[in-house]
Amino acid sequence: MSAINLTERAQQRAAMARLRKRYNRRQPYGDYLTSADWAERRAEILRRADHRCELCGATGVPLDVHHLTYERRGDERYADLKAICRACHTQVHHQEGK
């Protein structure tokens, strides 16, 4: 494959990624959470956390991936997301509601 074809393919992949991100921001939140893009991002965050709650350190329990901000939904930075257990997730949302 020539260098030109590789460059064109890279540009096409980048353009598709931009379109996917734009779509993810516009779709309803519940739909986004069932998307392949979110599943991939969620798996990355759980691996980064070594499948431990990033707040209390719990292991062997179901983990949620919590958005610290929804500002970049669909194009979240790793720092925007935390892997946390359901007990901590409930606490976080309770505290945010005060």
C-alpha atoms as a PDB file:
ATOM      1  CA  MET A   1       0.000   0.000   0.000  1.00  0.00           C
ATOM      2  CA  SER A   2       1.375   3.391  -0.906  1.00  0.00           C
ATOM      3  CA  ALA A   3       1.939   6.199   1.576  1.00  0.00           C
ATOM      4  CA  ILE A   4      -0.849   8.185  -0.077  1.00  0.00           C
ATOM      5  CA  ASN A   5      -3.367   5.382   0.471  1.00  0.00           C
ATOM      6  CA  LEU A   6      -2.306   5.081   4.114  1.00  0.00           C
ATOM      7  CA  THR A   7      -2.692   8.832   4.603  1.00  0.00           C
ATOM      8  CA  GLU A   8      -6.119   8.807   2.962  1.00  0.00           C
ATOM      9  CA  ARG A   9      -7.232   5.916   5.142  1.00  0.00           C
ATOM     10  CA  ALA A  10      -6.004   7.693   8.274  1.00  0.00           C
ATOM     11  CA  GLN A  11      -7.882  10.833   7.242  1.00  0.00           C
ATOM     12  CA  GLN A  12     -11.050   8.813   6.594  1.00  0.00           C
ATOM     13  CA  ARG A  13     -10.788   7.110  10.004  1.00  0.00           C
ATOM     14  CA  ALA A  14     -10.289  10.488  11.696  1.00  0.00           C
ATOM     15  CA  ALA A  15     -13.296  11.950   9.866  1.00  0.00           C
ATOM     16  CA  MET A  16     -15.467   8.989  10.900  1.00  0.00           C
ATOM     17  CA  ALA A  17     -14.318   9.344  14.521  1.00  0.00           C
ATOM     18  CA  ARG A  18     -15.299  13.042  14.490  1.00  0.00           C
ATOM     19  CA  LEU A  19     -18.746  12.195  13.088  1.00  0.00           C
ATOM     20  CA  ARG A  20     -19.230   9.461  15.708  1.00  0.00           C
ATOM     21  CA  LYS A  21     -18.293  11.864  18.515  1.00  0.00           C
ATOM     22  CA  ARG A  22     -20.680  14.513  17.210  1.00  0.00           C
ATOM     23  CA  TYR A  23     -23.478  11.932  16.998  1.00  0.00           C
ATOM     24  CA  ASN A  24     -22.733  10.629  20.512  1.00  0.00           C
ATOM     25  CA  ARG A  25     -23.103  14.145  21.955  1.00  0.00           C
ATOM     26  CA  ARG A  26     -26.496  14.611  20.314  1.00  0.00           C
ATOM     27  CA  GLN A  27     -28.097  11.259  21.013  1.00  0.00           C
ATOM     28  CA  PRO A  28     -30.098  10.721  24.209  1.00  0.00           C
ATOM     29  CA  TYR A  29     -27.907   9.809  27.189  1.00  0.00           C
ATOM     30  CA  GLY A  30     -29.524   6.387  27.626  1.00  0.00           C
ATOM     31  CA  ASP A  31     -28.832   5.538  23.988  1.00  0.00           C
ATOM     32  CA  TYR A  32     -25.230   6.676  24.334  1.00  0.00           C
ATOM     33  CA  LEU A  33     -24.750   4.347  27.310  1.00  0.00           C
ATOM     34  CA  THR A  34     -25.763   1.394  25.127  1.00  0.00           C
ATOM     35  CA  SER A  35     -23.455   2.360  22.239  1.00  0.00           C
ATOM     36  CA  ALA A  36     -20.331   0.499  21.188  1.00  0.00           C
ATOM     37  CA  ASP A  37     -18.311   3.686  21.721  1.00  0.00           C
ATOM     38  CA  TRP A  38     -19.388   3.892  25.364  1.00  0.00           C
ATOM     39  CA  ALA A  39     -18.785   0.158  25.907  1.00  0.00           C
ATOM     40  CA  GLU A  40     -15.223   0.602  24.645  1.00  0.00           C
ATOM     41  CA  ARG A  41     -14.583   3.714  26.759  1.00  0.00           C
ATOM     42  CA  ARG A  42     -16.118   2.046  29.839  1.00  0.00           C
ATOM     43  CA  ALA A  43     -13.894  -1.015  29.407  1.00  0.00           C
ATOM     44  CA  GLU A  44     -10.828   1.246  29.140  1.00  0.00           C
ATOM     45  CA  ILE A  45     -11.738   3.017  32.398  1.00  0.00           C
ATOM     46  CA  LEU A  46     -12.320  -0.265  34.227  1.00  0.00           C
ATOM     47  CA  ARG A  47      -8.930  -1.580  33.016  1.00  0.00           C
ATOM     48  CA  ARG A  48      -7.241   1.659  34.066  1.00  0.00           C
ATOM     49  CA  ALA A  49      -8.730   1.242  37.550  1.00  0.00           C
ATOM     50  CA  ASP A  50      -7.670  -2.434  37.613  1.00  0.00           C
ATOM     51  CA  HIS A  51     -11.354  -3.225  38.253  1.00  0.00           C
ATOM     52  CA  ARG A  52     -11.244  -1.495  41.654  1.00  0.00           C
ATOM     53  CA  CYS A  53     -13.426   1.293  42.932  1.00  0.00           C
ATOM     54  CA  GLU A  54     -11.366   4.455  42.551  1.00  0.00           C
ATOM     55  CA  LEU A  55     -12.945   5.914  45.681  1.00  0.00           C
ATOM     56  CA  CYS A  56     -13.004   3.127  48.282  1.00  0.00           C
ATOM     57  CA  GLY A  57     -10.793   0.480  46.638  1.00  0.00           C
ATOM     58  CA  ALA A  58     -13.471  -2.243  46.637  1.00  0.00           C
ATOM     59  CA  THR A  59     -12.879  -5.233  44.360  1.00  0.00           C
ATOM     60  CA  GLY A  60     -15.140  -8.053  43.274  1.00  0.00           C
ATOM     61  CA  VAL A  61     -18.215  -5.810  43.186  1.00  0.00           C
ATOM     62  CA  PRO A  62     -20.122  -4.350  40.228  1.00  0.00           C
ATOM     63  CA  LEU A  63     -18.524  -1.100  39.084  1.00  0.00           C
ATOM     64  CA  ASP A  64     -20.076   1.883  37.359  1.00  0.00           C
ATOM     65  CA  VAL A  65     -18.198   4.450  35.312  1.00  0.00           C
ATOM     66  CA  HIS A  66     -19.114   7.862  36.677  1.00  0.00           C
ATOM     67  CA  HIS A  67     -18.951  11.067  34.641  1.00  0.00           C
ATOM     68  CA  LEU A  68     -17.291  13.868  36.598  1.00  0.00           C
ATOM     69  CA  THR A  69     -18.564  16.188  33.875  1.00  0.00           C
ATOM     70  CA  TYR A  70     -20.921  15.796  30.935  1.00  0.00           C
ATOM     71  CA  GLU A  71     -19.242  18.656  29.107  1.00  0.00           C
ATOM     72  CA  ARG A  72     -17.493  16.347  26.623  1.00  0.00           C
ATOM     73  CA  ARG A  73     -20.061  13.542  26.475  1.00  0.00           C
ATOM     74  CA  GLY A  74     -19.209  11.340  23.534  1.00  0.00           C
ATOM     75  CA  ASP A  75     -15.607  12.548  23.568  1.00  0.00           C
ATOM     76  CA  GLU A  76     -14.776  12.161  27.253  1.00  0.00           C
ATOM     77  CA  ARG A  77     -11.247  12.578  28.496  1.00  0.00           C
ATOM     78  CA  TYR A  78      -9.972   9.847  30.783  1.00  0.00           C
ATOM     79  CA  ALA A  79      -9.882  12.388  33.605  1.00  0.00           C
ATOM     80  CA  ASP A  80     -13.637  12.956  33.102  1.00  0.00           C
ATOM     81  CA  LEU A  81     -14.459   9.388  34.170  1.00  0.00           C
ATOM     82  CA  LYS A  82     -14.003   7.313  37.341  1.00  0.00           C
ATOM     83  CA  ALA A  83     -14.659   3.631  37.990  1.00  0.00           C
ATOM     84  CA  ILE A  84     -16.630   3.461  41.222  1.00  0.00           C
ATOM     85  CA  CYS A  85     -18.675   0.848  43.049  1.00  0.00           C
ATOM     86  CA  ARG A  86     -22.436   1.238  43.223  1.00  0.00           C
ATOM     87  CA  ALA A  87     -22.343   2.210  46.917  1.00  0.00           C
ATOM     88  CA  CYS A  88     -19.886   5.042  46.195  1.00  0.00           C
ATOM     89  CA  HIS A  89     -21.825   6.025  43.076  1.00  0.00           C
ATOM     90  CA  THR A  90     -25.000   6.389  45.118  1.00  0.00           C
ATOM     91  CA  GLN A  91     -23.126   8.460  47.701  1.00  0.00           C
ATOM     92  CA  VAL A  92     -21.617  10.724  45.041  1.00  0.00           C
ATOM     93  CA  HIS A  93     -25.008  11.434  43.489  1.00  0.00           C
ATOM     94  CA  HIS A  94     -26.548  12.002  46.927  1.00  0.00           C
ATOM     95  CA  GLN A  95     -23.833  14.556  47.743  1.00  0.00           C
ATOM     96  CA  GLU A  96     -24.228  16.260  44.348  1.00  0.00           C
ATOM     97  CA  GLY A  97     -27.946  16.632  45.024  1.00  0.00           C
ATOM     98  CA  LYS A  98     -27.378  18.686  48.196  1.00  0.00           C
END
